[in-house]
Every structure is written in C-alpha cells, then in structure tokens.
C-alpha atoms as a PDB file:
ATOM      1  CA  UNK A   1     -20.391  -7.802   9.549  1.00  0.00           C
ATOM      2  CA  UNK A   2     -19.892 -11.407  10.528  1.00  0.00           C
ATOM      3  CA  UNK A   3     -18.640 -13.044  13.691  1.00  0.00           C
ATOM      4  CA  UNK A   4     -16.637 -16.241  13.708  1.00  0.00           C
ATOM      5  CA  UNK A   5     -16.559 -17.854  17.120  1.00  0.00           C
ATOM      6  CA  UNK A   6     -13.746 -20.286  17.801  1.00  0.00           C
ATOM      7  CA  UNK A   7     -15.265 -22.324  20.600  1.00  0.00           C
ATOM      8  CA  UNK A   8     -13.045 -25.360  20.908  1.00  0.00           C
ATOM      9  CA  UNK A   9     -10.504 -27.582  19.240  1.00  0.00           C
ATOM     10  CA  UNK A  10      -9.998 -31.178  18.223  1.00  0.00           C
ATOM     11  CA  UNK A  11      -7.007 -33.419  18.778  1.00  0.00           C
ATOM     12  CA  UNK A  12      -4.347 -32.659  16.187  1.00  0.00           C
ATOM     13  CA  UNK A  13      -5.102 -28.930  16.063  1.00  0.00           C
ATOM     14  CA  UNK A  14      -2.566 -27.277  13.791  1.00  0.00           C
ATOM     15  CA  UNK A  15      -1.670 -24.374  16.074  1.00  0.00           C
ATOM     16  CA  UNK A  16       0.979 -22.742  13.898  1.00  0.00           C
ATOM     17  CA  UNK A  17      -1.219 -22.979  10.802  1.00  0.00           C
ATOM     18  CA  UNK A  18      -4.178 -21.486  12.682  1.00  0.00           C
ATOM     19  CA  UNK A  19      -1.960 -18.619  13.820  1.00  0.00           C
ATOM     20  CA  UNK A  20      -0.771 -18.041  10.237  1.00  0.00           C
ATOM     21  CA  UNK A  21      -4.346 -18.215   8.931  1.00  0.00           C
ATOM     22  CA  UNK A  22      -5.377 -15.310  11.168  1.00  0.00           C
ATOM     23  CA  UNK A  23      -2.385 -13.276  10.015  1.00  0.00           C
ATOM     24  CA  UNK A  24      -2.850 -13.988   6.310  1.00  0.00           C
ATOM     25  CA  UNK A  25      -6.653 -13.888   6.004  1.00  0.00           C
ATOM     26  CA  UNK A  26      -7.553 -11.353   8.682  1.00  0.00           C
ATOM     27  CA  UNK A  27      -4.453  -9.155   8.784  1.00  0.00           C
ATOM     28  CA  UNK A  28      -3.952  -9.726  12.504  1.00  0.00           C
ATOM     29  CA  UNK A  29      -0.607  -9.348  14.242  1.00  0.00           C
ATOM     30  CA  UNK A  30       1.467 -12.362  15.210  1.00  0.00           C
ATOM     31  CA  UNK A  31       1.058 -11.478  18.885  1.00  0.00           C
ATOM     32  CA  UNK A  32      -2.732 -11.280  18.692  1.00  0.00           C
ATOM     33  CA  UNK A  33      -3.033 -14.398  16.532  1.00  0.00           C
ATOM     34  CA  UNK A  34      -0.852 -16.471  18.848  1.00  0.00           C
ATOM     35  CA  UNK A  35      -2.730 -15.147  21.878  1.00  0.00           C
ATOM     36  CA  UNK A  36      -6.029 -16.269  20.294  1.00  0.00           C
ATOM     37  CA  UNK A  37      -4.678 -19.777  19.700  1.00  0.00           C
ATOM     38  CA  UNK A  38      -3.269 -19.991  23.240  1.00  0.00           C
ATOM     39  CA  UNK A  39      -6.625 -18.859  24.658  1.00  0.00           C
ATOM     40  CA  UNK A  40      -8.441 -21.422  22.522  1.00  0.00           C
ATOM     41  CA  UNK A  41      -6.182 -24.143  23.927  1.00  0.00           C
ATOM     42  CA  UNK A  42      -7.200 -22.958  27.416  1.00  0.00           C
ATOM     43  CA  UNK A  43     -10.852 -23.625  26.437  1.00  0.00           C
ATOM     44  CA  UNK A  44     -11.733 -19.950  26.051  1.00  0.00           C
ATOM     45  CA  UNK A  45     -14.056 -18.851  23.251  1.00  0.00           C
ATOM     46  CA  UNK A  46     -12.575 -16.432  20.735  1.00  0.00           C
ATOM     47  CA  UNK A  47     -14.858 -14.016  18.874  1.00  0.00           C
ATOM     48  CA  UNK A  48     -13.495 -12.599  15.614  1.00  0.00           C
ATOM     49  CA  UNK A  49     -15.465  -9.788  13.971  1.00  0.00           C
ATOM     50  CA  UNK A  50     -14.933  -9.795  10.210  1.00  0.00           C
ATOM     51  CA  UNK A  51     -16.343  -7.098   7.906  1.00  0.00           C
ATOM     52  CA  UNK A  52     -16.588  -9.315   4.817  1.00  0.00           C
ATOM     53  CA  UNK A  53     -19.004 -12.254   5.171  1.00  0.00           C
ATOM     54  CA  UNK A  54     -17.354 -14.190   2.336  1.00  0.00           C
ATOM     55  CA  UNK A  55     -13.985 -13.821   4.012  1.00  0.00           C
ATOM     56  CA  UNK A  56     -15.543 -14.983   7.283  1.00  0.00           C
ATOM     57  CA  UNK A  57     -16.889 -18.113   5.571  1.00  0.00           C
ATOM     58  CA  UNK A  58     -13.498 -18.837   3.992  1.00  0.00           C
ATOM     59  CA  UNK A  59     -11.756 -18.357   7.325  1.00  0.00           C
ATOM     60  CA  UNK A  60     -14.224 -20.645   9.103  1.00  0.00           C
ATOM     61  CA  UNK A  61     -13.805 -23.426   6.530  1.00  0.00           C
ATOM     62  CA  UNK A  62     -10.024 -23.295   6.734  1.00  0.00           C
ATOM     63  CA  UNK A  63      -9.992 -23.072  10.533  1.00  0.00           C
ATOM     64  CA  UNK A  64     -12.261 -26.134  10.718  1.00  0.00           C
ATOM     65  CA  UNK A  65      -9.820 -28.048   8.482  1.00  0.00           C
ATOM     66  CA  UNK A  66      -7.014 -27.119  10.885  1.00  0.00           C
ATOM     67  CA  UNK A  67      -8.876 -28.590  13.864  1.00  0.00           C
ATOM     68  CA  UNK A  68     -10.793 -25.659  15.348  1.00  0.00           C
ATOM     69  CA  UNK A  69     -14.478 -25.913  16.213  1.00  0.00           C
ATOM     70  CA  UNK A  70     -16.148 -22.769  14.850  1.00  0.00           C
ATOM     71  CA  UNK A  71     -19.508 -21.122  14.355  1.00  0.00           C
ATOM     72  CA  UNK A  72     -20.429 -18.282  12.032  1.00  0.00           C
ATOM     73  CA  UNK A  73     -22.958 -15.560  12.799  1.00  0.00           C
ATOM     74  CA  UNK A  74     -23.867 -12.944  10.215  1.00  0.00           C
ATOM     75  CA  UNK A  75     -26.046  -9.841  10.279  1.00  0.00           C
ATOM     76  CA  UNK A  76     -28.762 -12.008   8.726  1.00  0.00           C
ATOM     77  CA  UNK A  77     -28.758 -14.229  11.841  1.00  0.00           C
ATOM     78  CA  UNK A  78     -31.858 -13.715  13.958  1.00  0.00           C
END
C-alpha cells in the first residue's frame, strides 16, 4: 500500500488533466476526482491510498508534471 499526498499546486496547474489522471490511473469517479482537484485548489491536502506502489509512483510523476506538489509514502517508509 502506498499513499500519495497532494499537498499543493503550482501556477499553471492543469486541473482538467489532473482530474482525468485520477479517473484513468486510479479508477476514481469524475465527481470524486473533481472534488479532489477543487479541494487542492483550496489549499487542502489530499491523501490517495493506492494498492500498487508502481502505480502510485507513476501517478505521482504524472501529477507533478501537471503542476501538483506531491509526496509518496510506502509501507517501507519508517
């Protein structure tokens, strides 16, 4: 199990692409994905629990490219 924490965003954040990324990579609903992006824009931290650590790393890399500030925590994290 891995946790990706979306903790902020940079100017130029690609909101629609970040919403689509959650839907496509994580299988989330449009409503939940959009809500996460809206919350992020309100400076709230979003914690996404992802079963597959490789998928979590892929998601983090793509989210960073889209303008989100993220951190990854895995079960190995102490």
